[in-house]
Amino acid sequence: MKIDCVIDCDLPGLVRESAEQRAQTRLGRFEEVIEDVKIAFKDHNGPKKGVDTECIVEVHLHDHPDVIIHETSDKVGKALYQGLIRAARAVARTVDVKQNRRKYQEGRQAKLEVAEV
């Protein structure tokens, strides 16, 4: 799983290391289905106060649709934390739906084969 961070120049440089570490922790269990993760930060108002720090988490999956999460907060860490939680939930849902659909289709096919005999 490759993790790439794009950080606005107004934000501190330590954000990259923290983002990569947290992404690995939150999304590491899905490593076999994740191609890469892109995390982007934007500070819309610059040094002014307010809810303006945006974290965009893009998770590109093998054989599944991509997951894209936008999270806005007043703090960088909070936006990252909430964005990664939402991304992990969305990836789990996406993977689980496909696995359940496959199990359902296999079970249905087995029932049809038994009925034909």
PDB file of N, CA and C in Angstrom:
ATOM      1  N   MET A   1       0.856  -1.172   0.000  1.00  0.00           N
ATOM      2  CA  MET A   1       0.000   0.000   0.000  1.00  0.00           C
ATOM      3  C   MET A   1       0.900   1.232   0.000  1.00  0.00           C
ATOM      4  N   LYS A   2       0.705   2.067  -0.989  1.00  0.00           N
ATOM      5  CA  LYS A   2       1.499   3.290  -1.115  1.00  0.00           C
ATOM      6  C   LYS A   2       0.689   4.461  -0.570  1.00  0.00           C
ATOM      7  N   ILE A   3       1.310   5.297   0.257  1.00  0.00           N
ATOM      8  CA  ILE A   3       0.635   6.452   0.844  1.00  0.00           C
ATOM      9  C   ILE A   3       1.337   7.713   0.357  1.00  0.00           C
ATOM     10  N   ASP A   4       0.559   8.640  -0.208  1.00  0.00           N
ATOM     11  CA  ASP A   4       1.105   9.886  -0.741  1.00  0.00           C
ATOM     12  C   ASP A   4       0.377  11.053  -0.082  1.00  0.00           C
ATOM     13  N   CYS A   5       1.117  12.040   0.406  1.00  0.00           N
ATOM     14  CA  CYS A   5       0.524  13.211   1.061  1.00  0.00           C
ATOM     15  C   CYS A   5       0.857  14.477   0.288  1.00  0.00           C
ATOM     16  N   VAL A   6      -0.168  15.300   0.070  1.00  0.00           N
ATOM     17  CA  VAL A   6       0.002  16.615  -0.547  1.00  0.00           C
ATOM     18  C   VAL A   6      -0.427  17.632   0.498  1.00  0.00           C
ATOM     19  N   ILE A   7       0.509  18.513   0.898  1.00  0.00           N
ATOM     20  CA  ILE A   7       0.242  19.418   2.012  1.00  0.00           C
ATOM     21  C   ILE A   7       0.357  20.862   1.549  1.00  0.00           C
ATOM     22  N   ASP A   8      -0.619  21.663   1.930  1.00  0.00           N
ATOM     23  CA  ASP A   8      -0.619  23.097   1.646  1.00  0.00           C
ATOM     24  C   ASP A   8       0.593  23.727   2.336  1.00  0.00           C
ATOM     25  N   CYS A   9       1.199  24.717   1.709  1.00  0.00           N
ATOM     26  CA  CYS A   9       2.424  25.324   2.255  1.00  0.00           C
ATOM     27  C   CYS A   9       2.196  26.052   3.582  1.00  0.00           C
ATOM     28  N   ASP A  10       0.943  26.402   3.914  1.00  0.00           N
ATOM     29  CA  ASP A  10       0.664  27.090   5.173  1.00  0.00           C
ATOM     30  C   ASP A  10       0.659  26.146   6.379  1.00  0.00           C
ATOM     31  N   LEU A  11       0.678  24.848   6.140  1.00  0.00           N
ATOM     32  CA  LEU A  11       0.607  23.873   7.227  1.00  0.00           C
ATOM     33  C   LEU A  11       2.004  23.381   7.588  1.00  0.00           C
ATOM     34  N   PRO A  12       2.212  22.956   8.849  1.00  0.00           N
ATOM     35  CA  PRO A  12       3.541  22.498   9.278  1.00  0.00           C
ATOM     36  C   PRO A  12       3.974  21.217   8.567  1.00  0.00           C
ATOM     37  N   GLY A  13       5.282  21.048   8.398  1.00  0.00           N
ATOM     38  CA  GLY A  13       5.841  19.896   7.696  1.00  0.00           C
ATOM     39  C   GLY A  13       5.658  18.573   8.412  1.00  0.00           C
ATOM     40  N   LEU A  14       5.506  18.598   9.733  1.00  0.00           N
ATOM     41  CA  LEU A  14       5.325  17.359  10.487  1.00  0.00           C
ATOM     42  C   LEU A  14       3.992  16.683  10.188  1.00  0.00           C
ATOM     43  N   VAL A  15       3.097  17.401   9.536  1.00  0.00           N
ATOM     44  CA  VAL A  15       1.787  16.839   9.210  1.00  0.00           C
ATOM     45  C   VAL A  15       1.943  15.623   8.303  1.00  0.00           C
ATOM     46  N   ARG A  16       2.895  15.659   7.383  1.00  0.00           N
ATOM     47  CA  ARG A  16       3.097  14.556   6.437  1.00  0.00           C
ATOM     48  C   ARG A  16       3.413  13.248   7.163  1.00  0.00           C
ATOM     49  N   GLU A  17       4.373  13.283   8.076  1.00  0.00           N
ATOM     50  CA  GLU A  17       4.759  12.077   8.811  1.00  0.00           C
ATOM     51  C   GLU A  17       3.599  11.538   9.625  1.00  0.00           C
ATOM     52  N   SER A  18       2.902  12.419  10.306  1.00  0.00           N
ATOM     53  CA  SER A  18       1.761  12.018  11.117  1.00  0.00           C
ATOM     54  C   SER A  18       0.659  11.420  10.249  1.00  0.00           C
ATOM     55  N   ALA A  19       0.395  12.032   9.106  1.00  0.00           N
ATOM     56  CA  ALA A  19      -0.660  11.552   8.207  1.00  0.00           C
ATOM     57  C   ALA A  19      -0.328  10.168   7.672  1.00  0.00           C
ATOM     58  N   GLU A  20       0.917   9.961   7.261  1.00  0.00           N
ATOM     59  CA  GLU A  20       1.316   8.657   6.729  1.00  0.00           C
ATOM     60  C   GLU A  20       1.222   7.576   7.798  1.00  0.00           C
ATOM     61  N   GLN A  21       1.653   7.904   9.009  1.00  0.00           N
ATOM     62  CA  GLN A  21       1.615   6.939  10.105  1.00  0.00           C
ATOM     63  C   GLN A  21       0.173   6.587  10.475  1.00  0.00           C
ATOM     64  N   ARG A  22      -0.681   7.587  10.587  1.00  0.00           N
ATOM     65  CA  ARG A  22      -2.081   7.335  10.937  1.00  0.00           C
ATOM     66  C   ARG A  22      -2.812   6.578   9.834  1.00  0.00           C
ATOM     67  N   ALA A  23      -2.510   6.888   8.579  1.00  0.00           N
ATOM     68  CA  ALA A  23      -3.141   6.176   7.464  1.00  0.00           C
ATOM     69  C   ALA A  23      -2.738   4.705   7.480  1.00  0.00           C
ATOM     70  N   GLN A  24      -1.475   4.432   7.740  1.00  0.00           N
ATOM     71  CA  GLN A  24      -1.014   3.044   7.816  1.00  0.00           C
ATOM     72  C   GLN A  24      -1.714   2.306   8.952  1.00  0.00           C
ATOM     73  N   THR A  25      -1.884   2.976  10.085  1.00  0.00           N
ATOM     74  CA  THR A  25      -2.548   2.360  11.230  1.00  0.00           C
ATOM     75  C   THR A  25      -4.017   2.078  10.942  1.00  0.00           C
ATOM     76  N   ARG A  26      -4.732   3.061  10.390  1.00  0.00           N
ATOM     77  CA  ARG A  26      -6.174   2.933  10.149  1.00  0.00           C
ATOM     78  C   ARG A  26      -6.508   2.011   8.985  1.00  0.00           C
ATOM     79  N   LEU A  27      -5.714   2.071   7.916  1.00  0.00           N
ATOM     80  CA  LEU A  27      -6.065   1.352   6.692  1.00  0.00           C
ATOM     81  C   LEU A  27      -5.199   0.118   6.442  1.00  0.00           C
ATOM     82  N   GLY A  28      -4.256  -0.166   7.332  1.00  0.00           N
ATOM     83  CA  GLY A  28      -3.342  -1.287   7.147  1.00  0.00           C
ATOM     84  C   GLY A  28      -4.020  -2.635   7.027  1.00  0.00           C
ATOM     85  N   ARG A  29      -5.151  -2.824   7.677  1.00  0.00           N
ATOM     86  CA  ARG A  29      -5.838  -4.124   7.621  1.00  0.00           C
ATOM     87  C   ARG A  29      -6.443  -4.409   6.251  1.00  0.00           C
ATOM     88  N   PHE A  30      -6.560  -3.372   5.410  1.00  0.00           N
ATOM     89  CA  PHE A  30      -7.100  -3.539   4.064  1.00  0.00           C
ATOM     90  C   PHE A  30      -5.992  -3.530   3.012  1.00  0.00           C
ATOM     91  N   GLU A  31      -4.766  -3.788   3.440  1.00  0.00           N
ATOM     92  CA  GLU A  31      -3.608  -3.659   2.562  1.00  0.00           C
ATOM     93  C   GLU A  31      -3.718  -4.507   1.293  1.00  0.00           C
ATOM     94  N   GLU A  32      -4.367  -5.666   1.370  1.00  0.00           N
ATOM     95  CA  GLU A  32      -4.461  -6.539   0.202  1.00  0.00           C
ATOM     96  C   GLU A  32      -5.424  -6.013  -0.866  1.00  0.00           C
ATOM     97  N   VAL A  33      -6.341  -5.111  -0.512  1.00  0.00           N
ATOM     98  CA  VAL A  33      -7.284  -4.569  -1.504  1.00  0.00           C
ATOM     99  C   VAL A  33      -6.981  -3.117  -1.880  1.00  0.00           C
ATOM    100  N   ILE A  34      -6.082  -2.466  -1.149  1.00  0.00           N
ATOM    101  CA  ILE A  34      -5.766  -1.057  -1.421  1.00  0.00           C
ATOM    102  C   ILE A  34      -4.549  -0.955  -2.337  1.00  0.00           C
ATOM    103  N   GLU A  35      -4.713  -0.225  -3.439  1.00  0.00           N
ATOM    104  CA  GLU A  35      -3.577   0.083  -4.320  1.00  0.00           C
ATOM    105  C   GLU A  35      -2.737   1.192  -3.715  1.00  0.00           C
ATOM    106  N   ASP A  36      -3.381   2.345  -3.504  1.00  0.00           N
ATOM    107  CA  ASP A  36      -2.675   3.464  -2.895  1.00  0.00           C
ATOM    108  C   ASP A  36      -3.659   4.406  -2.212  1.00  0.00           C
ATOM    109  N   VAL A  37      -3.098   5.249  -1.342  1.00  0.00           N
ATOM    110  CA  VAL A  37      -3.874   6.222  -0.577  1.00  0.00           C
ATOM    111  C   VAL A  37      -3.261   7.591  -0.831  1.00  0.00           C
ATOM    112  N   LYS A  38      -4.106   8.565  -1.146  1.00  0.00           N
ATOM    113  CA  LYS A  38      -3.644   9.946  -1.317  1.00  0.00           C
ATOM    114  C   LYS A  38      -4.358  10.810  -0.291  1.00  0.00           C
ATOM    115  N   ILE A  39      -3.575  11.568   0.458  1.00  0.00           N
ATOM    116  CA  ILE A  39      -4.123  12.456   1.475  1.00  0.00           C
ATOM    117  C   ILE A  39      -3.690  13.872   1.123  1.00  0.00           C
ATOM    118  N   ALA A  40      -4.654  14.767   1.009  1.00  0.00           N
ATOM    119  CA  ALA A  40      -4.355  16.164   0.675  1.00  0.00           C
ATOM    120  C   ALA A  40      -4.929  17.072   1.754  1.00  0.00           C
ATOM    121  N   PHE A  41      -4.178  18.092   2.112  1.00  0.00           N
ATOM    122  CA  PHE A  41      -4.622  19.083   3.090  1.00  0.00           C
ATOM    123  C   PHE A  41      -4.669  20.449   2.434  1.00  0.00           C
ATOM    124  N   LYS A  42      -5.710  21.194   2.743  1.00  0.00           N
ATOM    125  CA  LYS A  42      -5.823  22.575   2.270  1.00  0.00           C
ATOM    126  C   LYS A  42      -6.280  23.436   3.432  1.00  0.00           C
ATOM    127  N   ASP A  43      -5.642  24.571   3.592  1.00  0.00           N
ATOM    128  CA  ASP A  43      -6.050  25.547   4.602  1.00  0.00           C
ATOM    129  C   ASP A  43      -6.637  26.728   3.837  1.00  0.00           C
ATOM    130  N   HIS A  44      -7.959  26.794   3.763  1.00  0.00           N
ATOM    131  CA  HIS A  44      -8.634  27.760   2.896  1.00  0.00           C
ATOM    132  C   HIS A  44      -8.431  29.216   3.318  1.00  0.00           C
ATOM    133  N   ASN A  45      -8.376  29.496   4.619  1.00  0.00           N
ATOM    134  CA  ASN A  45      -8.255  30.879   5.086  1.00  0.00           C
ATOM    135  C   ASN A  45      -6.840  31.262   5.490  1.00  0.00           C
ATOM    136  N   GLY A  46      -5.903  30.372   5.352  1.00  0.00           N
ATOM    137  CA  GLY A  46      -4.535  30.677   5.763  1.00  0.00           C
ATOM    138  C   GLY A  46      -4.432  30.773   7.275  1.00  0.00           C
ATOM    139  N   PRO A  47      -3.725  31.784   7.806  1.00  0.00           N
ATOM    140  CA  PRO A  47      -3.518  31.862   9.254  1.00  0.00           C
ATOM    141  C   PRO A  47      -4.746  32.318  10.047  1.00  0.00           C
ATOM    142  N   LYS A  48      -5.838  32.684   9.381  1.00  0.00           N
ATOM    143  CA  LYS A  48      -7.047  33.098  10.105  1.00  0.00           C
ATOM    144  C   LYS A  48      -7.656  31.904  10.834  1.00  0.00           C
ATOM    145  N   LYS A  49      -8.399  32.179  11.863  1.00  0.00           N
ATOM    146  CA  LYS A  49      -9.070  31.123  12.622  1.00  0.00           C
ATOM    147  C   LYS A  49     -10.350  30.713  11.904  1.00  0.00           C
ATOM    148  N   GLY A  50     -10.883  29.554  12.270  1.00  0.00           N
ATOM    149  CA  GLY A  50     -12.159  29.108  11.718  1.00  0.00           C
ATOM    150  C   GLY A  50     -12.090  27.677  11.213  1.00  0.00           C
ATOM    151  N   VAL A  51     -13.249  27.163  10.859  1.00  0.00           N
ATOM    152  CA  VAL A  51     -13.354  25.799  10.348  1.00  0.00           C
ATOM    153  C   VAL A  51     -13.003  25.844   8.866  1.00  0.00           C
ATOM    154  N   ASP A  52     -11.718  25.728   8.578  1.00  0.00           N
ATOM    155  CA  ASP A  52     -11.287  25.915   7.198  1.00  0.00           C
ATOM    156  C   ASP A  52     -10.217  24.937   6.736  1.00  0.00           C
ATOM    157  N   THR A  53      -9.779  24.029   7.590  1.00  0.00           N
ATOM    158  CA  THR A  53      -8.768  23.062   7.198  1.00  0.00           C
ATOM    159  C   THR A  53      -9.471  21.841   6.618  1.00  0.00           C
ATOM    160  N   GLU A  54      -9.192  21.554   5.353  1.00  0.00           N
ATOM    161  CA  GLU A  54      -9.849  20.439   4.673  1.00  0.00           C
ATOM    162  C   GLU A  54      -8.856  19.303   4.459  1.00  0.00           C
ATOM    163  N   CYS A  55      -9.302  18.094   4.748  1.00  0.00           N
ATOM    164  CA  CYS A  55      -8.517  16.888   4.510  1.00  0.00           C
ATOM    165  C   CYS A  55      -9.280  16.046   3.486  1.00  0.00           C
ATOM    166  N   ILE A  56      -8.618  15.707   2.401  1.00  0.00           N
ATOM    167  CA  ILE A  56      -9.225  14.870   1.367  1.00  0.00           C
ATOM    168  C   ILE A  56      -8.461  13.551   1.351  1.00  0.00           C
ATOM    169  N   VAL A  57      -9.177  12.450   1.591  1.00  0.00           N
ATOM    170  CA  VAL A  57      -8.578  11.117   1.604  1.00  0.00           C
ATOM    171  C   VAL A  57      -9.119  10.355   0.400  1.00  0.00           C
ATOM    172  N   GLU A  58      -8.233   9.968  -0.500  1.00  0.00           N
ATOM    173  CA  GLU A  58      -8.609   9.167  -1.670  1.00  0.00           C
ATOM    174  C   GLU A  58      -7.977   7.791  -1.516  1.00  0.00           C
ATOM    175  N   VAL A  59      -8.812   6.749  -1.532  1.00  0.00           N
ATOM    176  CA  VAL A  59      -8.331   5.379  -1.420  1.00  0.00           C
ATOM    177  C   VAL A  59      -8.655   4.671  -2.734  1.00  0.00           C
ATOM    178  N   HIS A  60      -7.619   4.244  -3.445  1.00  0.00           N
ATOM    179  CA  HIS A  60      -7.789   3.538  -4.716  1.00  0.00           C
ATOM    180  C   HIS A  60      -7.684   2.038  -4.438  1.00  0.00           C
ATOM    181  N   LEU A  61      -8.732   1.302  -4.795  1.00  0.00           N
ATOM    182  CA  LEU A  61      -8.835  -0.114  -4.471  1.00  0.00           C
ATOM    183  C   LEU A  61      -8.692  -0.988  -5.715  1.00  0.00           C
ATOM    184  N   HIS A  62      -8.225  -2.232  -5.510  1.00  0.00           N
ATOM    185  CA  HIS A  62      -8.192  -3.234  -6.575  1.00  0.00           C
ATOM    186  C   HIS A  62      -9.611  -3.761  -6.766  1.00  0.00           C
ATOM    187  N   ASP A  63     -10.113  -3.767  -7.972  1.00  0.00           N
ATOM    188  CA  ASP A  63     -11.413  -4.371  -8.321  1.00  0.00           C
ATOM    189  C   ASP A  63     -12.592  -3.828  -7.526  1.00  0.00           C
ATOM    190  N   HIS A  64     -12.479  -2.637  -6.995  1.00  0.00           N
ATOM    191  CA  HIS A  64     -13.567  -1.985  -6.260  1.00  0.00           C
ATOM    192  C   HIS A  64     -13.593  -0.514  -6.671  1.00  0.00           C
ATOM    193  N   PRO A  65     -14.718   0.155  -6.483  1.00  0.00           N
ATOM    194  CA  PRO A  65     -14.732   1.597  -6.755  1.00  0.00           C
ATOM    195  C   PRO A  65     -13.865   2.352  -5.740  1.00  0.00           C
ATOM    196  N   ASP A  66     -13.324   3.485  -6.162  1.00  0.00           N
ATOM    197  CA  ASP A  66     -12.494   4.302  -5.274  1.00  0.00           C
ATOM    198  C   ASP A  66     -13.339   4.923  -4.167  1.00  0.00           C
ATOM    199  N   VAL A  67     -12.694   5.188  -3.041  1.00  0.00           N
ATOM    200  CA  VAL A  67     -13.336   5.845  -1.906  1.00  0.00           C
ATOM    201  C   VAL A  67     -12.705   7.225  -1.768  1.00  0.00           C
ATOM    202  N   ILE A  68     -13.538   8.274  -1.781  1.00  0.00           N
ATOM    203  CA  ILE A  68     -13.044   9.645  -1.638  1.00  0.00           C
ATOM    204  C   ILE A  68     -13.810  10.316  -0.506  1.00  0.00           C
ATOM    205  N   ILE A  69     -13.082  10.810   0.487  1.00  0.00           N
ATOM    206  CA  ILE A  69     -13.671  11.422   1.678  1.00  0.00           C
ATOM    207  C   ILE A  69     -13.163  12.855   1.801  1.00  0.00           C
ATOM    208  N   HIS A  70     -14.074  13.790   2.043  1.00  0.00           N
ATOM    209  CA  HIS A  70     -13.734  15.192   2.323  1.00  0.00           C
ATOM    210  C   HIS A  70     -14.127  15.472   3.771  1.00  0.00           C
ATOM    211  N   GLU A  71     -13.193  15.937   4.558  1.00  0.00           N
ATOM    212  CA  GLU A  71     -13.467  16.260   5.964  1.00  0.00           C
ATOM    213  C   GLU A  71     -12.910  17.647   6.257  1.00  0.00           C
ATOM    214  N   THR A  72     -13.726  18.498   6.882  1.00  0.00           N
ATOM    215  CA  THR A  72     -13.312  19.861   7.216  1.00  0.00           C
ATOM    216  C   THR A  72     -13.384  20.058   8.724  1.00  0.00           C
ATOM    217  N   SER A  73     -12.383  20.737   9.264  1.00  0.00           N
ATOM    218  CA  SER A  73     -12.336  20.985  10.702  1.00  0.00           C
ATOM    219  C   SER A  73     -11.511  22.241  10.971  1.00  0.00           C
ATOM    220  N   ASP A  74     -11.507  22.643  12.243  1.00  0.00           N
ATOM    221  CA  ASP A  74     -10.696  23.797  12.621  1.00  0.00           C
ATOM    222  C   ASP A  74      -9.243  23.404  12.883  1.00  0.00           C
ATOM    223  N   LYS A  75      -8.968  22.105  13.063  1.00  0.00           N
ATOM    224  CA  LYS A  75      -7.617  21.624  13.338  1.00  0.00           C
ATOM    225  C   LYS A  75      -7.222  20.557  12.317  1.00  0.00           C
ATOM    226  N   VAL A  76      -5.955  20.533  11.949  1.00  0.00           N
ATOM    227  CA  VAL A  76      -5.442  19.578  10.968  1.00  0.00           C
ATOM    228  C   VAL A  76      -5.595  18.144  11.474  1.00  0.00           C
ATOM    229  N   GLY A  77      -5.183  17.904  12.710  1.00  0.00           N
ATOM    230  CA  GLY A  77      -5.248  16.560  13.278  1.00  0.00           C
ATOM    231  C   GLY A  77      -6.659  16.015  13.344  1.00  0.00           C
ATOM    232  N   LYS A  78      -7.590  16.868  13.714  1.00  0.00           N
ATOM    233  CA  LYS A  78      -8.985  16.448  13.813  1.00  0.00           C
ATOM    234  C   LYS A  78      -9.551  16.101  12.434  1.00  0.00           C
ATOM    235  N   ALA A  79      -9.247  16.918  11.433  1.00  0.00           N
ATOM    236  CA  ALA A  79      -9.714  16.647  10.067  1.00  0.00           C
ATOM    237  C   ALA A  79      -9.122  15.334   9.552  1.00  0.00           C
ATOM    238  N   LEU A  80      -7.837  15.103   9.820  1.00  0.00           N
ATOM    239  CA  LEU A  80      -7.184  13.866   9.399  1.00  0.00           C
ATOM    240  C   LEU A  80      -7.801  12.665  10.099  1.00  0.00           C
ATOM    241  N   TYR A  81      -7.945  12.750  11.419  1.00  0.00           N
ATOM    242  CA  TYR A  81      -8.486  11.646  12.207  1.00  0.00           C
ATOM    243  C   TYR A  81      -9.888  11.264  11.729  1.00  0.00           C
ATOM    244  N   GLN A  82     -10.772  12.244  11.605  1.00  0.00           N
ATOM    245  CA  GLN A  82     -12.146  11.968  11.172  1.00  0.00           C
ATOM    246  C   GLN A  82     -12.179  11.456   9.729  1.00  0.00           C
ATOM    247  N   GLY A  83     -11.353  12.024   8.867  1.00  0.00           N
ATOM    248  CA  GLY A  83     -11.303  11.581   7.474  1.00  0.00           C
ATOM    249  C   GLY A  83     -10.853  10.135   7.341  1.00  0.00           C
ATOM    250  N   LEU A  84      -9.837   9.742   8.114  1.00  0.00           N
ATOM    251  CA  LEU A  84      -9.349   8.363   8.050  1.00  0.00           C
ATOM    252  C   LEU A  84     -10.347   7.377   8.650  1.00  0.00           C
ATOM    253  N   ILE A  85     -11.051   7.781   9.705  1.00  0.00           N
ATOM    254  CA  ILE A  85     -12.087   6.908  10.269  1.00  0.00           C
ATOM    255  C   ILE A  85     -13.180   6.668   9.236  1.00  0.00           C
ATOM    256  N   ARG A  86     -13.639   7.741   8.598  1.00  0.00           N
ATOM    257  CA  ARG A  86     -14.689   7.608   7.584  1.00  0.00           C
ATOM    258  C   ARG A  86     -14.204   6.789   6.389  1.00  0.00           C
ATOM    259  N   ALA A  87     -12.948   6.977   5.990  1.00  0.00           N
ATOM    260  CA  ALA A  87     -12.397   6.221   4.861  1.00  0.00           C
ATOM    261  C   ALA A  87     -12.312   4.730   5.191  1.00  0.00           C
ATOM    262  N   ALA A  88     -11.851   4.397   6.398  1.00  0.00           N
ATOM    263  CA  ALA A  88     -11.759   2.990   6.803  1.00  0.00           C
ATOM    264  C   ALA A  88     -13.137   2.341   6.818  1.00  0.00           C
ATOM    265  N   ARG A  89     -14.134   3.058   7.331  1.00  0.00           N
ATOM    266  CA  ARG A  89     -15.508   2.541   7.336  1.00  0.00           C
ATOM    267  C   ARG A  89     -16.018   2.300   5.921  1.00  0.00           C
ATOM    268  N   ALA A  90     -15.763   3.260   5.035  1.00  0.00           N
ATOM    269  CA  ALA A  90     -16.231   3.149   3.653  1.00  0.00           C
ATOM    270  C   ALA A  90     -15.541   1.991   2.922  1.00  0.00           C
ATOM    271  N   VAL A  91     -14.240   1.818   3.148  1.00  0.00           N
ATOM    272  CA  VAL A  91     -13.524   0.699   2.525  1.00  0.00           C
ATOM    273  C   VAL A  91     -14.075  -0.624   3.053  1.00  0.00           C
ATOM    274  N   ALA A  92     -14.300  -0.718   4.356  1.00  0.00           N
ATOM    275  CA  ALA A  92     -14.856  -1.945   4.940  1.00  0.00           C
ATOM    276  C   ALA A  92     -16.213  -2.265   4.331  1.00  0.00           C
ATOM    277  N   ARG A  93     -17.052  -1.251   4.194  1.00  0.00           N
ATOM    278  CA  ARG A  93     -18.374  -1.450   3.585  1.00  0.00           C
ATOM    279  C   ARG A  93     -18.254  -1.920   2.143  1.00  0.00           C
ATOM    280  N   THR A  94     -17.387  -1.276   1.381  1.00  0.00           N
ATOM    281  CA  THR A  94     -17.213  -1.613  -0.028  1.00  0.00           C
ATOM    282  C   THR A  94     -16.725  -3.045  -0.196  1.00  0.00           C
ATOM    283  N   VAL A  95     -15.721  -3.431   0.565  1.00  0.00           N
ATOM    284  CA  VAL A  95     -15.167  -4.781   0.476  1.00  0.00           C
ATOM    285  C   VAL A  95     -16.192  -5.801   0.957  1.00  0.00           C
ATOM    286  N   ASP A  96     -16.879  -5.511   2.048  1.00  0.00           N
ATOM    287  CA  ASP A  96     -17.865  -6.428   2.618  1.00  0.00           C
ATOM    288  C   ASP A  96     -19.034  -6.647   1.667  1.00  0.00           C
ATOM    289  N   VAL A  97     -19.507  -5.599   1.020  1.00  0.00           N
ATOM    290  CA  VAL A  97     -20.624  -5.724   0.082  1.00  0.00           C
ATOM    291  C   VAL A  97     -20.244  -6.652  -1.062  1.00  0.00           C
ATOM    292  N   LYS A  98     -19.048  -6.493  -1.596  1.00  0.00           N
ATOM    293  CA  LYS A  98     -18.630  -7.341  -2.713  1.00  0.00           C
ATOM    294  C   LYS A  98     -18.472  -8.792  -2.263  1.00  0.00           C
ATOM    295  N   GLN A  99     -17.912  -9.023  -1.068  1.00  0.00           N
ATOM    296  CA  GLN A  99     -17.749 -10.388  -0.573  1.00  0.00           C
ATOM    297  C   GLN A  99     -19.107 -11.035  -0.311  1.00  0.00           C
ATOM    298  N   ASN A 100     -20.038 -10.284   0.276  1.00  0.00           N
ATOM    299  CA  ASN A 100     -21.370 -10.828   0.532  1.00  0.00           C
ATOM    300  C   ASN A 100     -22.092 -11.143  -0.765  1.00  0.00           C
ATOM    301  N   ARG A 101     -21.954 -10.289  -1.764  1.00  0.00           N
ATOM    302  CA  ARG A 101     -22.584 -10.524  -3.059  1.00  0.00           C
ATOM    303  C   ARG A 101     -22.027 -11.801  -3.687  1.00  0.00           C
ATOM    304  N   ARG A 102     -20.712 -12.000  -3.587  1.00  0.00           N
ATOM    305  CA  ARG A 102     -20.080 -13.197  -4.143  1.00  0.00           C
ATOM    306  C   ARG A 102     -20.582 -14.444  -3.417  1.00  0.00           C
ATOM    307  N   LYS A 103     -20.664 -14.409  -2.082  1.00  0.00           N
ATOM    308  CA  LYS A 103     -21.157 -15.557  -1.318  1.00  0.00           C
ATOM    309  C   LYS A 103     -22.602 -15.871  -1.677  1.00  0.00           C
ATOM    310  N   TYR A 104     -23.415 -14.837  -1.839  1.00  0.00           N
ATOM    311  CA  TYR A 104     -24.817 -15.023  -2.202  1.00  0.00           C
ATOM    312  C   TYR A 104     -24.931 -15.688  -3.570  1.00  0.00           C
ATOM    313  N   GLN A 105     -24.149 -15.209  -4.534  1.00  0.00           N
ATOM    314  CA  GLN A 105     -24.207 -15.774  -5.878  1.00  0.00           C
ATOM    315  C   GLN A 105     -23.703 -17.209  -5.901  1.00  0.00           C
ATOM    316  N   GLU A 106     -22.659 -17.522  -5.138  1.00  0.00           N
ATOM    317  CA  GLU A 106     -22.152 -18.896  -5.069  1.00  0.00           C
ATOM    318  C   GLU A 106     -23.183 -19.818  -4.436  1.00  0.00           C
ATOM    319  N   GLY A 107     -23.829 -19.356  -3.372  1.00  0.00           N
ATOM    320  CA  GLY A 107     -24.869 -20.155  -2.721  1.00  0.00           C
ATOM    321  C   GLY A 107     -26.055 -20.380  -3.632  1.00  0.00           C
ATOM    322  N   ARG A 108     -26.433 -19.365  -4.351  1.00  0.00           N
ATOM    323  CA  ARG A 108     -27.562 -19.474  -5.281  1.00  0.00           C
ATOM    324  C   ARG A 108     -27.226 -20.440  -6.413  1.00  0.00           C
ATOM    325  N   GLN A 109     -26.002 -20.365  -6.929  1.00  0.00           N
ATOM    326  CA  GLN A 109     -25.571 -21.266  -7.998  1.00  0.00           C
ATOM    327  C   GLN A 109     -25.574 -22.709  -7.505  1.00  0.00           C
ATOM    328  N   ALA A 110     -25.123 -22.939  -6.274  1.00  0.00           N
ATOM    329  CA  ALA A 110     -25.116 -24.291  -5.710  1.00  0.00           C
ATOM    330  C   ALA A 110     -26.537 -24.831  -5.586  1.00  0.00           C
ATOM    331  N   LYS A 111     -27.482 -23.989  -5.172  1.00  0.00           N
ATOM    332  CA  LYS A 111     -28.879 -24.418  -5.061  1.00  0.00           C
ATOM    333  C   LYS A 111     -29.453 -24.773  -6.429  1.00  0.00           C
ATOM    334  N   LEU A 112     -29.098 -23.996  -7.450  1.00  0.00           N
ATOM    335  CA  LEU A 112     -29.580 -24.279  -8.804  1.00  0.00           C
ATOM    336  C   LEU A 112     -29.016 -25.595  -9.326  1.00  0.00           C
ATOM    337  N   GLU A 113     -27.749 -25.873  -9.023  1.00  0.00           N
ATOM    338  CA  GLU A 113     -27.134 -27.127  -9.460  1.00  0.00           C
ATOM    339  C   GLU A 113     -27.778 -28.318  -8.772  1.00  0.00           C
ATOM    340  N   VAL A 114     -28.108 -28.200  -7.498  1.00  0.00           N
ATOM    341  CA  VAL A 114     -28.770 -29.277  -6.758  1.00  0.00           C
ATOM    342  C   VAL A 114     -30.173 -29.496  -7.310  1.00  0.00           C
ATOM    343  N   ALA A 115     -30.865 -28.424  -7.636  1.00  0.00           N
ATOM    344  CA  ALA A 115     -32.227 -28.525  -8.157  1.00  0.00           C
ATOM    345  C   ALA A 115     -32.252 -29.193  -9.530  1.00  0.00           C
ATOM    346  N   GLU A 116     -31.210 -29.021 -10.328  1.00  0.00           N
ATOM    347  CA  GLU A 116     -31.156 -29.618 -11.659  1.00  0.00           C
ATOM    348  C   GLU A 116     -30.933 -31.115 -11.603  1.00  0.00           C
ATOM    349  N   VAL A 117     -30.289 -31.610 -10.559  1.00  0.00           N
ATOM    350  CA  VAL A 117     -29.966 -33.040 -10.440  1.00  0.00           C
ATOM    351  C   VAL A 117     -31.156 -33.808 -10.066  1.00  0.00           C
TER     352      VAL A 117
END
